[in-house]
Amino acid sequence: MLICESTGTDHEHCTDWRYAGEHRGSDAEEAYAAARAHPHARVMRHPEHYPLHRTVAFEHRTGGEPCAACGTGRGPCADTPAGPLFLCDACLTLLDNELRRSLTRFDLPDPGPQLEALMPP
């Protein structure tokens, strides 16, 4: 986990990060909870034995971030097929409905709502 060391409240372009430990394997929920305890934190993911090949698995920002879909709303980080994205409630619902509609077009069963916010707004 990386914790933003910025003392300001604007976390749009943070560059000063502090390494705050590692969670192994199935400890993802524990890592997400630890990240939510800070105003701005990231949980990174990397293949075992390849720590330099890491990607952002989850990011927490107090108040969320501008929506990745519409750009105007603000929302929490959501777990999507495209990876973690900040989505407002309207876009999260729209994306979830579109994914469900696409599955039923292929004569696959409707799984019901699948996308969920990983952190409260």
Protein backbone atom coordinates (compact mmCIF):
# COMPACT_ATOMS: atom_id res chain seq x y z
CA MET A 1 0.00 0.00 0.00
CA LEU A 2 1.10 3.54 -0.77
CA ILE A 3 -0.07 6.50 1.30
CA CYS A 4 -0.08 10.02 -0.09
CA GLU A 5 2.12 12.33 1.95
CA SER A 6 0.55 15.53 0.58
CA THR A 7 -0.69 17.79 3.36
CA GLY A 8 -3.16 19.63 1.12
CA THR A 9 -6.75 18.62 0.58
CA ASP A 10 -6.51 18.53 -3.22
CA HIS A 11 -5.36 15.05 -4.20
CA GLU A 12 -5.73 15.41 -7.96
CA HIS A 13 -2.02 15.20 -8.88
CA CYS A 14 -0.17 13.62 -5.96
CA THR A 15 3.48 12.66 -6.38
CA ASP A 16 4.75 12.15 -2.82
CA TRP A 17 3.95 8.57 -1.71
CA ARG A 18 5.06 6.54 1.32
CA TYR A 19 5.27 2.75 1.20
CA ALA A 20 3.09 1.40 4.02
CA GLY A 21 3.40 -2.37 3.78
CA GLU A 22 2.24 -5.31 1.75
CA HIS A 23 -0.79 -7.58 1.94
CA ARG A 24 -0.42 -11.05 0.51
CA GLY A 25 -2.83 -13.00 -1.69
CA SER A 26 -6.35 -13.08 -0.33
CA ASP A 27 -5.92 -10.06 1.97
CA ALA A 28 -7.40 -7.68 -0.63
CA GLU A 29 -10.34 -6.59 1.54
CA GLU A 30 -7.97 -5.93 4.43
CA ALA A 31 -5.77 -3.83 2.13
CA TYR A 32 -8.78 -1.86 0.83
CA ALA A 33 -9.95 -1.21 4.39
CA ALA A 34 -6.46 0.00 5.37
CA ALA A 35 -6.42 2.34 2.35
CA ARG A 36 -9.84 3.78 3.26
CA ALA A 37 -8.40 4.84 6.64
CA HIS A 38 -6.29 7.52 4.88
CA PRO A 39 -7.38 10.62 2.94
CA HIS A 40 -5.53 9.31 -0.14
CA ALA A 41 -4.00 5.85 -0.54
CA ARG A 42 -3.39 3.24 -3.22
CA VAL A 43 -3.28 -0.53 -3.08
CA MET A 44 -0.91 -1.89 -5.69
CA ARG A 45 -0.99 -5.35 -7.26
CA HIS A 46 1.95 -7.26 -8.77
CA PRO A 47 2.72 -10.84 -9.80
CA GLU A 48 4.63 -12.80 -7.18
CA HIS A 49 8.41 -12.27 -7.51
CA TYR A 50 7.87 -9.30 -9.89
CA PRO A 51 7.42 -6.25 -7.62
CA LEU A 52 8.41 -3.79 -10.36
CA HIS A 53 5.48 -4.89 -12.55
CA ARG A 54 2.78 -3.38 -10.40
CA THR A 55 -0.54 -1.76 -11.21
CA VAL A 56 -3.11 0.10 -9.15
CA ALA A 57 -5.65 -2.38 -7.77
CA PHE A 58 -7.59 0.14 -5.67
CA GLU A 59 -7.40 3.83 -4.85
CA HIS A 60 -9.11 5.74 -2.06
CA ARG A 61 -9.64 9.48 -2.09
CA THR A 62 -11.81 11.16 0.47
CA GLY A 63 -14.88 12.36 -1.45
CA GLY A 64 -14.14 10.12 -4.44
CA GLU A 65 -12.80 11.35 -7.75
CA PRO A 66 -14.38 12.73 -10.93
CA CYS A 67 -16.35 10.00 -12.69
CA ALA A 68 -14.29 8.11 -15.29
CA ALA A 69 -17.33 7.84 -17.59
CA CYS A 70 -19.10 11.23 -17.56
CA GLY A 71 -16.36 13.39 -16.00
CA THR A 72 -18.87 15.59 -14.20
CA GLY A 73 -20.13 13.51 -11.28
CA ARG A 74 -17.98 12.32 -8.40
CA GLY A 75 -17.96 8.83 -7.12
CA PRO A 76 -16.21 6.04 -5.28
CA CYS A 77 -13.85 3.48 -6.73
CA ALA A 78 -15.85 0.63 -8.30
CA ASP A 79 -14.72 -2.86 -9.26
CA THR A 80 -15.40 -3.20 -13.01
CA PRO A 81 -14.29 -5.57 -15.79
CA ALA A 82 -11.95 -2.76 -16.89
CA GLY A 83 -10.35 -2.67 -13.44
CA PRO A 84 -11.02 -0.22 -10.61
CA LEU A 85 -12.70 2.97 -11.86
CA PHE A 86 -14.16 5.97 -10.06
CA LEU A 87 -17.82 6.10 -11.15
CA CYS A 88 -20.76 8.26 -10.04
CA ASP A 89 -23.98 6.46 -9.06
CA ALA A 90 -25.69 7.20 -12.40
CA CYS A 91 -22.80 5.85 -14.51
CA LEU A 92 -22.31 2.84 -12.24
CA THR A 93 -25.97 1.90 -12.73
CA LEU A 94 -25.78 2.54 -16.49
CA LEU A 95 -22.62 0.44 -16.91
CA ASP A 96 -24.07 -2.37 -14.82
CA ASN A 97 -27.27 -2.40 -16.89
CA GLU A 98 -25.29 -2.42 -20.16
CA LEU A 99 -23.14 -5.34 -18.99
CA ARG A 100 -26.24 -7.29 -18.01
CA ARG A 101 -27.92 -6.48 -21.32
CA SER A 102 -24.84 -7.67 -23.24
CA LEU A 103 -24.85 -10.99 -21.40
CA THR A 104 -28.52 -11.62 -22.15
CA ARG A 105 -27.90 -10.86 -25.86
CA PHE A 106 -25.59 -13.87 -25.89
CA ASP A 107 -28.37 -15.97 -24.32
CA LEU A 108 -26.46 -16.07 -21.04
CA PRO A 109 -28.38 -15.77 -17.78
CA ASP A 110 -28.81 -12.32 -16.29
CA PRO A 111 -26.46 -12.29 -13.29
CA GLY A 112 -28.23 -9.39 -11.61
CA PRO A 113 -26.31 -6.33 -10.44
CA GLN A 114 -22.60 -7.17 -10.47
CA LEU A 115 -20.69 -3.94 -10.12
CA GLU A 116 -20.22 -2.60 -6.65
CA ALA A 117 -18.56 0.37 -5.09
CA LEU A 118 -15.41 -0.62 -3.26
CA MET A 119 -15.65 2.34 -0.92
CA PRO A 120 -18.46 4.54 0.35
CA PRO A 121 -18.96 7.84 -1.51
